[in-house]
C-alpha atoms as a PDB file:
ATOM      1  CA  MET A   1      11.053   2.276  -5.140  1.00  0.00           C
ATOM      2  CA  VAL A   2      10.475  -0.167  -1.821  1.00  0.00           C
ATOM      3  CA  PHE A   3      12.885   2.526   0.469  1.00  0.00           C
ATOM      4  CA  CYS A   4      10.333   5.377  -0.844  1.00  0.00           C
ATOM      5  CA  VAL A   5       6.885   3.317  -0.197  1.00  0.00           C
ATOM      6  CA  ILE A   6       8.336   2.303   3.308  1.00  0.00           C
ATOM      7  CA  LEU A   7       9.715   5.993   4.472  1.00  0.00           C
ATOM      8  CA  SER A   8       5.754   7.575   2.776  1.00  0.00           C
ATOM      9  CA  GLY A   9       4.419   5.250   5.246  1.00  0.00           C
ATOM     10  CA  TRP A  10       6.830   5.895   8.229  1.00  0.00           C
ATOM     11  CA  SER A  11       6.515   9.711   7.805  1.00  0.00           C
ATOM     12  CA  SER A  12       2.484   9.234   7.962  1.00  0.00           C
ATOM     13  CA  ASN A  13       3.077   8.921  11.476  1.00  0.00           C
ATOM     14  CA  SER A  14       0.501   6.146  11.597  1.00  0.00           C
ATOM     15  CA  LYS A  15       0.830   2.614  12.871  1.00  0.00           C
ATOM     16  CA  TYR A  16      -1.903   1.410  10.595  1.00  0.00           C
ATOM     17  CA  SER A  17      -0.040   3.254   7.565  1.00  0.00           C
ATOM     18  CA  LEU A  18       3.014   1.375   8.331  1.00  0.00           C
ATOM     19  CA  ILE A  19       1.358  -2.034   8.234  1.00  0.00           C
ATOM     20  CA  GLY A  20      -0.691  -1.524   4.537  1.00  0.00           C
ATOM     21  CA  ARG A  21       3.082   0.245   3.405  1.00  0.00           C
ATOM     22  CA  LEU A  22       4.613  -3.387   4.893  1.00  0.00           C
ATOM     23  CA  ARG A  23       2.146  -5.313   3.187  1.00  0.00           C
ATOM     24  CA  SER A  24       2.516  -3.350  -0.188  1.00  0.00           C
ATOM     25  CA  VAL A  25       6.551  -3.513  -0.153  1.00  0.00           C
ATOM     26  CA  ALA A  26       6.553  -7.184   0.333  1.00  0.00           C
ATOM     27  CA  GLN A  27       3.731  -7.381  -2.605  1.00  0.00           C
ATOM     28  CA  ARG A  28       6.721  -5.297  -4.886  1.00  0.00           C
ATOM     29  CA  ILE A  29       9.377  -7.572  -3.728  1.00  0.00           C
ATOM     30  CA  SER A  30       7.796 -10.241  -4.620  1.00  0.00           C
ATOM     31  CA  TYR A  31       6.882  -9.088  -8.305  1.00  0.00           C
ATOM     32  CA  GLU A  32      10.294  -7.128  -8.768  1.00  0.00           C
ATOM     33  CA  ALA A  33      12.008 -10.511  -8.415  1.00  0.00           C
ATOM     34  CA  VAL A  34      10.241 -11.755 -11.751  1.00  0.00           C
ATOM     35  CA  PHE A  35      10.493  -8.359 -13.190  1.00  0.00           C
ATOM     36  CA  ARG A  36      14.438  -8.499 -12.499  1.00  0.00           C
ATOM     37  CA  THR A  37      14.840 -11.595 -14.545  1.00  0.00           C
ATOM     38  CA  LEU A  38      12.567 -10.600 -17.066  1.00  0.00           C
ATOM     39  CA  PHE A  39      14.529  -7.737 -17.386  1.00  0.00           C
ATOM     40  CA  VAL A  40      18.102  -9.225 -17.516  1.00  0.00           C
ATOM     41  CA  PHE A  41      16.367 -11.899 -19.837  1.00  0.00           C
ATOM     42  CA  LEU A  42      14.798  -9.324 -22.295  1.00  0.00           C
ATOM     43  CA  LEU A  43      19.043  -8.031 -22.246  1.00  0.00           C
ATOM     44  CA  VAL A  44      20.584 -11.903 -23.081  1.00  0.00           C
ATOM     45  CA  LEU A  45      17.649 -11.372 -26.039  1.00  0.00           C
ATOM     46  CA  PHE A  46      18.773  -8.339 -27.617  1.00  0.00           C
ATOM     47  CA  VAL A  47      22.452  -8.829 -27.059  1.00  0.00           C
ATOM     48  CA  SER A  48      22.932  -5.351 -25.503  1.00  0.00           C
ATOM     49  CA  TYR A  49      22.198  -2.667 -23.321  1.00  0.00           C
ATOM     50  CA  SER A  50      21.242   0.006 -25.670  1.00  0.00           C
ATOM     51  CA  LEU A  51      17.178   0.432 -26.238  1.00  0.00           C
ATOM     52  CA  ARG A  52      18.596   0.311 -29.793  1.00  0.00           C
ATOM     53  CA  SER A  53      18.993  -2.803 -29.934  1.00  0.00           C
ATOM     54  CA  SER A  54      15.582  -4.003 -29.831  1.00  0.00           C
ATOM     55  CA  PHE A  55      14.473  -2.736 -33.020  1.00  0.00           C
ATOM     56  CA  THR A  56      17.220  -4.630 -34.845  1.00  0.00           C
ATOM     57  CA  TYR A  57      17.290  -7.752 -32.359  1.00  0.00           C
ATOM     58  CA  GLY A  58      13.353  -7.595 -31.372  1.00  0.00           C
ATOM     59  CA  SER A  59      12.076 -11.551 -32.150  1.00  0.00           C
ATOM     60  CA  LEU A  60       8.596 -13.368 -31.412  1.00  0.00           C
ATOM     61  CA  PHE A  61      10.379 -15.360 -29.054  1.00  0.00           C
ATOM     62  CA  SER A  62      10.321 -11.591 -27.076  1.00  0.00           C
ATOM     63  CA  LEU A  63       6.445 -11.508 -27.707  1.00  0.00           C
ATOM     64  CA  PHE A  64       6.125 -14.904 -25.616  1.00  0.00           C
ATOM     65  CA  LEU A  65       7.332 -12.825 -22.523  1.00  0.00           C
ATOM     66  CA  PHE A  66       4.704 -10.158 -22.981  1.00  0.00           C
ATOM     67  CA  PRO A  67       1.897 -11.442 -20.674  1.00  0.00           C
ATOM     68  CA  PHE A  68       4.791 -11.904 -18.041  1.00  0.00           C
ATOM     69  CA  TRP A  69       6.112  -8.446 -18.251  1.00  0.00           C
ATOM     70  CA  PHE A  70       2.299  -7.159 -18.804  1.00  0.00           C
ATOM     71  CA  ILE A  71       1.091  -8.725 -15.731  1.00  0.00           C
ATOM     72  CA  CYS A  72       4.028  -7.867 -13.752  1.00  0.00           C
ATOM     73  CA  VAL A  73       3.289  -3.931 -14.709  1.00  0.00           C
ATOM     74  CA  LEU A  74       0.184  -4.296 -13.054  1.00  0.00           C
ATOM     75  CA  ALA A  75       1.520  -5.688 -10.381  1.00  0.00           C
ATOM     76  CA  GLU A  76       4.020  -2.674  -9.690  1.00  0.00           C
ATOM     77  CA  THR A  77       1.603   0.010 -10.716  1.00  0.00           C
ATOM     78  CA  HIS A  78      -0.588  -1.443  -7.976  1.00  0.00           C
ATOM     79  CA  ARG A  79      -3.520  -1.866 -10.692  1.00  0.00           C
ATOM     80  CA  ALA A  80      -6.702  -4.684 -10.607  1.00  0.00           C
ATOM     81  CA  PRO A  81      -6.272  -7.567  -9.640  1.00  0.00           C
ATOM     82  CA  PHE A  82      -3.090  -6.435  -7.658  1.00  0.00           C
ATOM     83  CA  ASP A  83      -4.446  -3.361  -6.240  1.00  0.00           C
ATOM     84  CA  PHE A  84      -4.622  -4.426  -1.969  1.00  0.00           C
ATOM     85  CA  ARG A  85      -3.856  -1.267  -0.993  1.00  0.00           C
ATOM     86  CA  GLU A  86      -6.591   0.284  -2.641  1.00  0.00           C
ATOM     87  CA  ALA A  87      -9.076  -2.378  -1.685  1.00  0.00           C
ATOM     88  CA  GLU A  88     -13.256  -1.208  -0.639  1.00  0.00           C
ATOM     89  CA  ARG A  89     -13.240  -3.758   1.324  1.00  0.00           C
ATOM     90  CA  GLU A  90     -10.521  -2.841   3.482  1.00  0.00           C
ATOM     91  CA  LEU A  91     -11.047  -0.587   6.500  1.00  0.00           C
ATOM     92  CA  VAL A  92      -7.258   1.398   6.071  1.00  0.00           C
ATOM     93  CA  SER A  93      -6.327   2.574   2.317  1.00  0.00           C
ATOM     94  CA  GLY A  94      -2.355   1.786   3.124  1.00  0.00           C
ATOM     95  CA  PHE A  95       0.058   4.133   3.566  1.00  0.00           C
ATOM     96  CA  ASN A  96      -2.035   7.429   2.794  1.00  0.00           C
ATOM     97  CA  THR A  97      -4.738   7.607   5.193  1.00  0.00           C
ATOM     98  CA  GLU A  98      -3.077  10.653   6.733  1.00  0.00           C
ATOM     99  CA  TYR A  99      -2.128  12.271   3.089  1.00  0.00           C
ATOM    100  CA  SER A 100      -3.945  14.992   1.625  1.00  0.00           C
ATOM    101  CA  GLY A 101      -4.882  17.275  -0.691  1.00  0.00           C
ATOM    102  CA  ALA A 102      -1.734  18.249  -2.290  1.00  0.00           C
ATOM    103  CA  TYR A 103       0.311  15.203  -1.140  1.00  0.00           C
ATOM    104  CA  PHE A 104      -2.547  12.765  -2.243  1.00  0.00           C
ATOM    105  CA  ALA A 105      -2.520  14.162  -5.454  1.00  0.00           C
ATOM    106  CA  PHE A 106       0.991  13.734  -5.910  1.00  0.00           C
ATOM    107  CA  ILE A 107       1.230  10.301  -4.442  1.00  0.00           C
ATOM    108  CA  PHE A 108      -1.497   9.542  -7.368  1.00  0.00           C
ATOM    109  CA  LEU A 109      -0.528  11.866 -10.625  1.00  0.00           C
ATOM    110  CA  SER A 110       2.921   9.558  -9.566  1.00  0.00           C
ATOM    111  CA  GLU A 111       0.924   5.912  -9.969  1.00  0.00           C
ATOM    112  CA  TYR A 112      -0.694   6.939 -13.103  1.00  0.00           C
ATOM    113  CA  SER A 113       3.017   8.504 -14.164  1.00  0.00           C
ATOM    114  CA  VAL A 114       4.754   5.005 -14.229  1.00  0.00           C
ATOM    115  CA  LEU A 115       1.755   3.453 -15.898  1.00  0.00           C
ATOM    116  CA  LEU A 116       2.552   5.773 -18.528  1.00  0.00           C
ATOM    117  CA  PHE A 117       6.102   4.878 -18.830  1.00  0.00           C
ATOM    118  CA  SER A 118       5.461   1.458 -17.959  1.00  0.00           C
ATOM    119  CA  CYS A 119       3.265   1.409 -21.887  1.00  0.00           C
ATOM    120  CA  ILE A 120       6.327   3.386 -23.676  1.00  0.00           C
ATOM    121  CA  LEU A 121       8.307   1.183 -22.040  1.00  0.00           C
ATOM    122  CA  MET A 122       6.606  -1.732 -23.655  1.00  0.00           C
ATOM    123  CA  GLY A 123       5.781  -0.878 -26.458  1.00  0.00           C
ATOM    124  CA  VAL A 124       9.813   0.229 -27.476  1.00  0.00           C
ATOM    125  CA  LEU A 125      10.751  -2.826 -25.352  1.00  0.00           C
ATOM    126  CA  PHE A 126       8.097  -5.374 -27.389  1.00  0.00           C
ATOM    127  CA  PHE A 127       6.342  -3.712 -30.404  1.00  0.00           C
ATOM    128  CA  SER A 128      10.371  -1.975 -31.228  1.00  0.00           C
ATOM    129  CA  ALA A 129       8.031   1.398 -31.548  1.00  0.00           C
ATOM    130  CA  SER A 130      10.565   3.805 -32.607  1.00  0.00           C
ATOM    131  CA  ARG A 131       8.198   6.767 -34.129  1.00  0.00           C
ATOM    132  CA  VAL A 132       6.641   9.358 -32.047  1.00  0.00           C
ATOM    133  CA  LEU A 133       3.183   8.733 -33.426  1.00  0.00           C
ATOM    134  CA  PHE A 134       3.073   4.999 -33.308  1.00  0.00           C
ATOM    135  CA  SER A 135       4.597   4.814 -29.497  1.00  0.00           C
ATOM    136  CA  THR A 136       2.144   7.689 -28.487  1.00  0.00           C
ATOM    137  CA  LEU A 137      -0.711   5.490 -29.864  1.00  0.00           C
ATOM    138  CA  LEU A 138       0.366   1.936 -28.488  1.00  0.00           C
ATOM    139  CA  ALA A 139       1.178   3.754 -25.522  1.00  0.00           C
ATOM    140  CA  LEU A 140      -2.280   4.386 -25.131  1.00  0.00           C
ATOM    141  CA  VAL A 141      -3.817   0.935 -26.523  1.00  0.00           C
ATOM    142  CA  LEU A 142      -1.398  -0.597 -23.797  1.00  0.00           C
ATOM    143  CA  SER A 143      -3.153   2.020 -21.188  1.00  0.00           C
ATOM    144  CA  PHE A 144      -6.515   1.368 -21.826  1.00  0.00           C
ATOM    145  CA  LEU A 145      -5.347  -2.834 -21.347  1.00  0.00           C
ATOM    146  CA  SER A 146      -3.973  -2.075 -18.200  1.00  0.00           C
ATOM    147  CA  ILE A 147      -7.380  -0.541 -17.684  1.00  0.00           C
ATOM    148  CA  TRP A 148     -10.114  -3.139 -19.176  1.00  0.00           C
ATOM    149  CA  VAL A 149      -8.189  -5.749 -16.908  1.00  0.00           C
ATOM    150  CA  ARG A 150      -8.579  -3.548 -13.866  1.00  0.00           C
ATOM    151  CA  ILE A 151     -12.781  -3.727 -14.600  1.00  0.00           C
ATOM    152  CA  THR A 152     -12.755  -7.359 -15.903  1.00  0.00           C
ATOM    153  CA  PHE A 153     -10.928  -9.541 -13.257  1.00  0.00           C
ATOM    154  CA  CYS A 154     -11.346  -9.717  -9.185  1.00  0.00           C
ATOM    155  CA  ARG A 155      -8.976  -9.272  -7.025  1.00  0.00           C
ATOM    156  CA  PHE A 156      -7.035 -12.216  -5.814  1.00  0.00           C
ATOM    157  CA  ARG A 157      -5.982 -13.047  -1.984  1.00  0.00           C
ATOM    158  CA  TYR A 158      -2.615 -11.172  -1.175  1.00  0.00           C
ATOM    159  CA  ASP A 159      -1.608 -14.864  -0.045  1.00  0.00           C
ATOM    160  CA  LEU A 160      -2.438 -16.023  -3.575  1.00  0.00           C
ATOM    161  CA  LEU A 161      -0.811 -13.213  -4.931  1.00  0.00           C
ATOM    162  CA  ILE A 162       2.415 -13.731  -3.780  1.00  0.00           C
ATOM    163  CA  GLY A 163       2.568 -17.497  -3.704  1.00  0.00           C
ATOM    164  CA  PHE A 164       1.320 -16.639  -7.769  1.00  0.00           C
ATOM    165  CA  SER A 165       4.535 -14.532  -8.362  1.00  0.00           C
ATOM    166  CA  TRP A 166       7.011 -17.317  -6.289  1.00  0.00           C
ATOM    167  CA  LYS A 167       5.171 -20.701  -7.520  1.00  0.00           C
ATOM    168  CA  ILE A 168       4.240 -20.020 -10.628  1.00  0.00           C
ATOM    169  CA  LEU A 169       5.207 -16.897 -12.771  1.00  0.00           C
ATOM    170  CA  LEU A 170       9.427 -17.002 -11.357  1.00  0.00           C
ATOM    171  CA  PRO A 171       9.789 -20.700 -12.147  1.00  0.00           C
ATOM    172  CA  LEU A 172       8.114 -20.402 -15.884  1.00  0.00           C
ATOM    173  CA  VAL A 173      10.338 -17.005 -16.181  1.00  0.00           C
ATOM    174  CA  LEU A 174      13.153 -19.239 -15.345  1.00  0.00           C
ATOM    175  CA  ALA A 175      12.062 -21.948 -17.212  1.00  0.00           C
ATOM    176  CA  PHE A 176      12.431 -19.968 -20.546  1.00  0.00           C
ATOM    177  CA  PHE A 177      15.877 -18.220 -19.488  1.00  0.00           C
ATOM    178  CA  PHE A 178      17.060 -21.504 -19.630  1.00  0.00           C
ATOM    179  CA  SER A 179      15.353 -23.207 -22.678  1.00  0.00           C
ATOM    180  CA  PHE A 180      16.487 -19.740 -24.581  1.00  0.00           C
ATOM    181  CA  LEU A 181      20.247 -20.709 -23.075  1.00  0.00           C
ATOM    182  CA  PHE A 182      19.946 -24.082 -24.389  1.00  0.00           C
ATOM    183  CA  LEU A 183      18.844 -23.429 -27.629  1.00  0.00           C
ATOM    184  CA  VAL A 184      20.975 -20.940 -28.753  1.00  0.00           C
END
């Protein structure tokens, strides 16, 4: 995703779009470190690379990781309070200043598609949603929850967000990971 993001900012042929894109890449890298650590921790917890194992090995311990996962999904999908490139108080909207029409629509359709996919993945990993109707309803509830977070919380400052990721979230996830390894 990072390479696509950099290329979209560079291909718009505007220095402001490129600067906005570099800010977005710095945000993505900080949260992808936490996100990847959580993913490895879930693989260790489920004892397999298969999503089917989440149905059999899913435990209450994985529900403690759900808030961290949800925060990372909100940051990865650029939802509030982590949507710095869409901030109304900024002059430049980020990488999409030079795009209009169909290109602009494709960019935002891809963002909402990633949000729906992330909600479906959360339902499968954390709540063992194996039935189609249940997983669809759960994905809609999680999408509603992300929209509710958007209208409830205000934005962070950019430096506080990156510090929160590296100094609070990553050490907490690593503490959960090492405590689980020592308990098992």
